[in-house]
Amino acid sequence: MNRKEEITLKSLTEKGEVKIGYSDKDIIVVDSIQKFAEIKAAHIAMNVIMICTNGRIQAHMNGRPMELIKNQVAIVPQNVVVTNIMISPDFNLKAMFLNNSILQNTLRDKMIVWNDIMYIQHNHVITLKSEYLEIFSHFYDMLNMAIEHSQENPFRNEIIHSILSAAILAVCGELKLSMPSNDEKPQLPSTHFQRFLEILHNGEVKYRSVESYASELCISPKHLTAICKKYSGKTANDWIREQVLEDIRYYLKNTDLSIKQVCDRMGFSNTSFFGKYVKQHLGMTPMEFRKS
């Protein structure tokens, strides 16, 4: 099979190649993938955190070589093209597939660590120390218990998400430990992109134009969009929209701020335009989203 195909968990499940422990609109937990041999290339639409539990896999991610062996963790950002996949016969893994919204809601200000590793350092594989292998093993044990024994619990999804959030934070902590210090970091041609992400993630008001961000970086909007596309596959507008929507989700779901207060905090000119923006991107009004 030489053509690129998109991995769908449904197709893998139907072939008996994947065992899904849990899934909802934001998260899919894969307990086992027994067979990958016939897939030569794929587009991965979600963020993935995978632990190799046995064997070895080699592949290219967006043209960059990657190798994963037993007891290593691979972190794959969304919309990555994986090619030249080669695996050992005994290969197996555990994995979490995550939408951007759940990842950003969990990490919040720590997303800069994730983005630095994913898009600047291109460090997608870390080797776990024995104590962390034990910790992640316990995470999976707790997760399986929650999945199996909380079927009737009205807060089942929240319980599962809390366990997964703890696992995501633990992985992010390991990523941070693997990062070189500022003195050791090489001078990268992507400095503007890195600075853009820092401004975007740390800014209280993220709803700004590409021109506004570019002006702060002393570069043209066209150049900012070009470097964003080069290093992440997403435009500057894509990054801004994702962060704005995540802040909207957070404020509407996790705070008691009024709609007007959220609108003002986000930098929208008025509640009417804010409502139209939320309706366009989230499919419902701010109040409907808060109650959903």
Protein backbone atom coordinates (compact mmCIF):
# COMPACT_ATOMS: atom_id res chain seq x y z
CA MET A 1 0.00 0.00 0.00
CA ASN A 2 1.88 3.06 -1.25
CA ARG A 3 -0.79 5.72 -0.98
CA LYS A 4 -1.22 7.81 2.15
CA GLU A 5 -4.21 6.77 4.22
CA GLU A 6 -5.73 8.32 7.31
CA ILE A 7 -5.70 6.17 10.41
CA THR A 8 -9.22 5.85 11.76
CA LEU A 9 -9.74 4.07 15.03
CA LYS A 10 -13.02 2.72 13.68
CA SER A 11 -11.29 0.91 10.80
CA LEU A 12 -8.57 -0.44 13.09
CA THR A 13 -11.17 -1.63 15.59
CA GLU A 14 -13.16 -3.40 12.88
CA LYS A 15 -10.01 -5.26 11.84
CA GLY A 16 -9.35 -6.31 15.43
CA GLU A 17 -6.07 -4.39 15.47
CA VAL A 18 -6.90 -1.96 18.25
CA LYS A 19 -8.43 -2.28 21.69
CA ILE A 20 -10.15 0.91 22.82
CA GLY A 21 -10.51 1.31 26.57
CA TYR A 22 -12.44 4.59 26.53
CA SER A 23 -13.58 7.27 24.09
CA ASP A 24 -15.58 10.49 24.02
CA LYS A 25 -15.54 13.58 21.82
CA ASP A 26 -12.22 14.81 23.26
CA ILE A 27 -10.24 11.72 24.27
CA ILE A 28 -9.64 8.20 23.00
CA VAL A 29 -7.65 5.76 25.11
CA VAL A 30 -6.07 2.86 23.22
CA ASP A 31 -5.03 -0.09 25.35
CA SER A 32 -3.39 -2.14 22.62
CA ILE A 33 -2.55 -2.03 18.93
CA GLN A 34 -1.50 -5.50 17.87
CA LYS A 35 -0.94 -4.93 14.18
CA PHE A 36 0.35 -2.01 12.14
CA ALA A 37 2.23 -3.82 9.40
CA GLU A 38 -0.05 -3.00 6.46
CA ILE A 39 -0.12 0.74 7.16
CA LYS A 40 2.75 2.45 5.39
CA ALA A 41 1.68 6.08 5.80
CA ALA A 42 -0.97 7.93 7.72
CA HIS A 43 -2.31 11.32 8.70
CA ILE A 44 -2.75 11.65 12.48
CA ALA A 45 -5.54 14.15 13.10
CA MET A 46 -5.32 14.30 16.92
CA ASN A 47 -2.54 14.89 19.43
CA VAL A 48 -1.13 11.55 20.60
CA ILE A 49 0.78 10.46 23.70
CA MET A 50 1.90 6.86 23.22
CA ILE A 51 3.95 4.51 25.35
CA CYS A 52 5.72 1.64 23.60
CA THR A 53 5.05 -1.40 25.77
CA ASN A 54 6.93 -3.85 23.57
CA GLY A 55 9.05 -4.02 20.44
CA ARG A 56 10.09 -1.13 18.22
CA ILE A 57 8.68 1.23 15.60
CA GLN A 58 10.51 3.45 13.10
CA ALA A 59 8.87 6.11 10.95
CA HIS A 60 9.17 9.65 9.58
CA MET A 61 7.02 12.40 11.10
CA ASN A 62 6.59 15.24 8.62
CA GLY A 63 9.80 14.01 7.02
CA ARG A 64 11.80 13.77 10.27
CA PRO A 65 13.00 10.30 11.38
CA MET A 66 11.67 8.90 14.63
CA GLU A 67 12.33 5.65 16.48
CA LEU A 68 10.39 4.39 19.48
CA ILE A 69 11.42 1.40 21.59
CA LYS A 70 10.08 -0.30 24.70
CA ASN A 71 9.62 2.02 27.71
CA GLN A 72 9.82 5.16 25.61
CA VAL A 73 7.07 7.75 25.15
CA ALA A 74 6.33 9.45 21.85
CA ILE A 75 4.42 12.72 21.72
CA VAL A 76 2.86 13.52 18.37
CA PRO A 77 1.12 16.87 17.72
CA GLN A 78 -2.06 17.00 15.69
CA ASN A 79 -2.11 16.94 11.89
CA VAL A 80 1.19 15.12 11.47
CA VAL A 81 1.89 12.99 8.42
CA VAL A 82 3.63 9.73 9.34
CA THR A 83 5.41 7.83 6.56
CA ASN A 84 7.87 4.95 6.08
CA ILE A 85 6.40 3.04 9.01
CA MET A 86 8.35 -0.07 9.99
CA ILE A 87 7.61 -2.12 13.10
CA SER A 88 8.93 -5.21 14.83
CA PRO A 89 6.60 -8.24 14.97
CA ASP A 90 6.20 -7.88 18.73
CA PHE A 91 5.34 -4.16 18.66
CA ASN A 92 2.58 -2.94 20.95
CA LEU A 93 1.61 0.32 22.66
CA LYS A 94 -0.76 2.21 24.88
CA ALA A 95 -1.91 5.62 23.67
CA MET A 96 -4.07 8.64 24.37
CA PHE A 97 -5.55 10.52 21.41
CA LEU A 98 -6.42 14.08 22.48
CA ASN A 99 -8.24 16.96 20.85
CA ASN A 100 -6.54 20.35 21.18
CA SER A 101 -9.31 21.60 23.47
CA ILE A 102 -8.72 18.97 26.18
CA LEU A 103 -4.94 19.36 25.89
CA GLN A 104 -5.08 23.13 26.23
CA ASN A 105 -7.67 23.03 29.01
CA THR A 106 -5.43 20.65 30.97
CA LEU A 107 -2.10 22.39 30.43
CA ARG A 108 -3.23 26.03 30.24
CA ASP A 109 -0.08 28.15 30.81
CA LYS A 110 2.08 25.02 30.46
CA MET A 111 1.16 24.69 26.77
CA ILE A 112 4.28 26.73 26.02
CA VAL A 113 6.35 23.73 27.20
CA TRP A 114 4.41 21.39 24.91
CA ASN A 115 4.71 23.73 21.92
CA ASP A 116 8.41 24.40 22.53
CA ILE A 117 9.16 20.67 22.52
CA MET A 118 6.84 19.86 19.61
CA TYR A 119 7.52 22.71 17.20
CA ILE A 120 10.85 24.28 18.21
CA GLN A 121 12.98 21.45 19.62
CA HIS A 122 11.26 18.68 17.59
CA ASN A 123 11.90 16.35 20.53
CA HIS A 124 9.08 13.84 20.19
CA VAL A 125 10.54 10.88 22.13
CA ILE A 126 11.52 10.65 25.80
CA THR A 127 12.82 7.67 27.75
CA LEU A 128 11.01 7.13 31.04
CA LYS A 129 12.90 6.44 34.23
CA SER A 130 11.86 3.30 36.07
CA GLU A 131 9.98 5.27 38.72
CA TYR A 132 7.95 7.07 36.05
CA LEU A 133 7.17 3.80 34.30
CA GLU A 134 5.64 2.70 37.59
CA ILE A 135 3.72 5.97 37.90
CA PHE A 136 2.27 5.67 34.40
CA SER A 137 1.44 2.04 35.05
CA HIS A 138 -0.58 3.19 38.06
CA PHE A 139 -2.31 5.84 35.94
CA TYR A 140 -3.46 3.12 33.54
CA ASP A 141 -4.54 0.87 36.41
CA MET A 142 -6.60 3.69 37.92
CA LEU A 143 -8.01 4.57 34.52
CA ASN A 144 -9.06 0.99 33.82
CA MET A 145 -10.68 0.76 37.24
CA ALA A 146 -12.60 3.98 36.62
CA ILE A 147 -13.71 2.78 33.18
CA GLU A 148 -14.80 -0.66 34.38
CA HIS A 149 -16.33 0.15 37.77
CA SER A 150 -17.97 3.55 37.38
CA GLN A 151 -20.52 2.78 34.68
CA GLU A 152 -23.40 4.08 36.83
CA ASN A 153 -21.51 6.98 38.40
CA PRO A 154 -23.04 10.29 37.18
CA PHE A 155 -19.57 11.87 37.22
CA ARG A 156 -17.85 9.04 35.31
CA ASN A 157 -16.50 11.20 32.46
CA GLU A 158 -15.20 13.82 34.90
CA ILE A 159 -13.42 11.13 36.92
CA ILE A 160 -11.80 9.67 33.80
CA HIS A 161 -10.81 13.12 32.52
CA SER A 162 -9.22 13.97 35.88
CA ILE A 163 -7.04 10.86 35.79
CA LEU A 164 -6.06 11.56 32.19
CA SER A 165 -5.31 15.20 33.03
CA ALA A 166 -2.92 14.07 35.76
CA ALA A 167 -1.19 11.76 33.26
CA ILE A 168 -0.91 14.58 30.71
CA LEU A 169 0.62 16.91 33.33
CA ALA A 170 3.10 14.18 34.30
CA VAL A 171 4.16 13.79 30.66
CA CYS A 172 4.49 17.56 30.28
CA GLY A 173 6.69 17.63 33.40
CA GLU A 174 8.95 15.00 31.89
CA LEU A 175 9.09 17.05 28.69
CA LYS A 176 10.17 20.11 30.65
CA LEU A 177 12.92 18.13 32.39
CA SER A 178 14.16 16.97 28.98
CA MET A 179 14.42 20.53 27.65
CA PRO A 180 17.86 22.14 27.50
CA SER A 181 18.44 25.20 29.67
CA ASN A 182 18.31 28.62 28.03
CA ASP A 183 22.11 28.70 27.95
CA GLU A 184 22.23 25.35 26.17
CA LYS A 185 19.51 26.04 23.60
CA PRO A 186 20.89 26.52 20.09
CA GLN A 187 20.13 29.68 18.17
CA LEU A 188 17.19 28.57 16.08
CA PRO A 189 15.86 30.20 12.92
CA SER A 190 12.38 29.86 14.48
CA THR A 191 12.93 32.48 17.19
CA HIS A 192 10.05 34.61 15.90
CA PHE A 193 7.72 31.63 15.95
CA GLN A 194 8.74 30.74 19.50
CA ARG A 195 8.26 34.35 20.62
CA PHE A 196 4.85 34.45 18.92
CA LEU A 197 3.75 31.37 20.90
CA GLU A 198 5.01 32.92 24.15
CA ILE A 199 3.10 36.17 23.51
CA LEU A 200 -0.02 34.27 22.49
CA HIS A 201 -0.06 31.88 25.46
CA ASN A 202 0.92 34.47 28.07
CA GLY A 203 -1.30 37.30 26.87
CA GLU A 204 -4.52 37.90 28.81
CA VAL A 205 -6.20 39.20 25.64
CA LYS A 206 -5.58 36.78 22.79
CA TYR A 207 -8.28 38.03 20.40
CA ARG A 208 -6.00 40.23 18.33
CA SER A 209 -5.22 40.47 14.65
CA VAL A 210 -2.24 38.82 13.00
CA GLU A 211 -1.06 42.35 12.24
CA SER A 212 -1.04 43.19 15.96
CA TYR A 213 1.09 40.17 16.86
CA ALA A 214 3.40 40.74 13.90
CA SER A 215 3.88 44.38 14.88
CA GLU A 216 4.93 43.33 18.39
CA LEU A 217 7.49 41.00 16.81
CA CYS A 218 8.65 43.72 14.36
CA ILE A 219 7.93 41.51 11.34
CA SER A 220 5.29 41.58 8.63
CA PRO A 221 1.99 39.66 8.99
CA LYS A 222 2.89 37.70 5.88
CA HIS A 223 6.21 36.60 7.38
CA LEU A 224 4.56 35.61 10.67
CA THR A 225 2.02 33.48 8.82
CA ALA A 226 4.77 31.91 6.73
CA ILE A 227 6.93 30.88 9.71
CA CYS A 228 3.90 29.55 11.61
CA LYS A 229 3.01 27.43 8.61
CA LYS A 230 6.59 26.26 8.19
CA TYR A 231 7.17 25.17 11.79
CA SER A 232 3.71 23.92 12.78
CA GLY A 233 1.63 23.39 9.66
CA LYS A 234 -0.86 25.95 11.00
CA THR A 235 -1.26 29.62 10.11
CA ALA A 236 -1.00 32.45 12.62
CA ASN A 237 -4.78 32.85 12.38
CA ASP A 238 -5.22 29.14 13.21
CA TRP A 239 -3.09 29.54 16.35
CA ILE A 240 -4.93 32.68 17.45
CA ARG A 241 -8.38 31.18 16.86
CA GLU A 242 -7.53 27.98 18.77
CA GLN A 243 -6.26 29.91 21.77
CA VAL A 244 -9.19 32.34 21.76
CA LEU A 245 -11.71 29.49 21.62
CA GLU A 246 -9.96 27.64 24.41
CA ASP A 247 -10.08 30.72 26.65
CA ILE A 248 -13.77 31.13 25.80
CA ARG A 249 -14.44 27.49 26.72
CA TYR A 250 -12.52 27.91 29.96
CA TYR A 251 -14.23 31.12 31.08
CA LEU A 252 -17.73 29.91 30.19
CA LYS A 253 -17.37 26.47 31.75
CA ASN A 254 -15.06 27.07 34.70
CA THR A 255 -15.80 30.57 36.01
CA ASP A 256 -18.78 32.57 37.25
CA LEU A 257 -17.95 35.53 35.04
CA SER A 258 -20.97 36.96 33.22
CA ILE A 259 -21.13 36.80 29.43
CA LYS A 260 -20.36 40.54 29.34
CA GLN A 261 -17.35 40.06 31.63
CA VAL A 262 -16.03 37.20 29.46
CA CYS A 263 -16.56 39.34 26.36
CA ASP A 264 -14.62 42.26 27.88
CA ARG A 265 -11.83 40.04 29.22
CA MET A 266 -11.41 38.39 25.83
CA GLY A 267 -11.09 41.73 24.03
CA PHE A 268 -14.27 41.61 21.93
CA SER A 269 -15.83 44.98 21.09
CA ASN A 270 -19.36 44.07 22.22
CA THR A 271 -21.47 41.13 23.39
CA SER A 272 -23.34 40.93 20.07
CA PHE A 273 -20.15 40.28 18.10
CA PHE A 274 -18.88 37.96 20.83
CA GLY A 275 -22.10 35.94 20.62
CA LYS A 276 -21.83 35.66 16.83
CA TYR A 277 -18.19 34.53 17.13
CA VAL A 278 -19.06 31.82 19.66
CA LYS A 279 -22.06 30.69 17.62
CA GLN A 280 -19.94 30.49 14.45
CA HIS A 281 -17.13 28.45 16.00
CA LEU A 282 -18.82 26.45 18.77
CA GLY A 283 -22.24 25.98 17.17
CA MET A 284 -24.23 27.58 20.01
CA THR A 285 -24.62 30.84 21.88
CA PRO A 286 -22.37 31.60 24.89
CA MET A 287 -25.23 30.87 27.31
CA GLU A 288 -26.13 27.63 25.52
CA PHE A 289 -22.49 26.56 25.63
CA ARG A 290 -22.25 27.37 29.35
CA LYS A 291 -25.31 25.21 30.07
CA SER A 292 -24.31 22.35 27.77
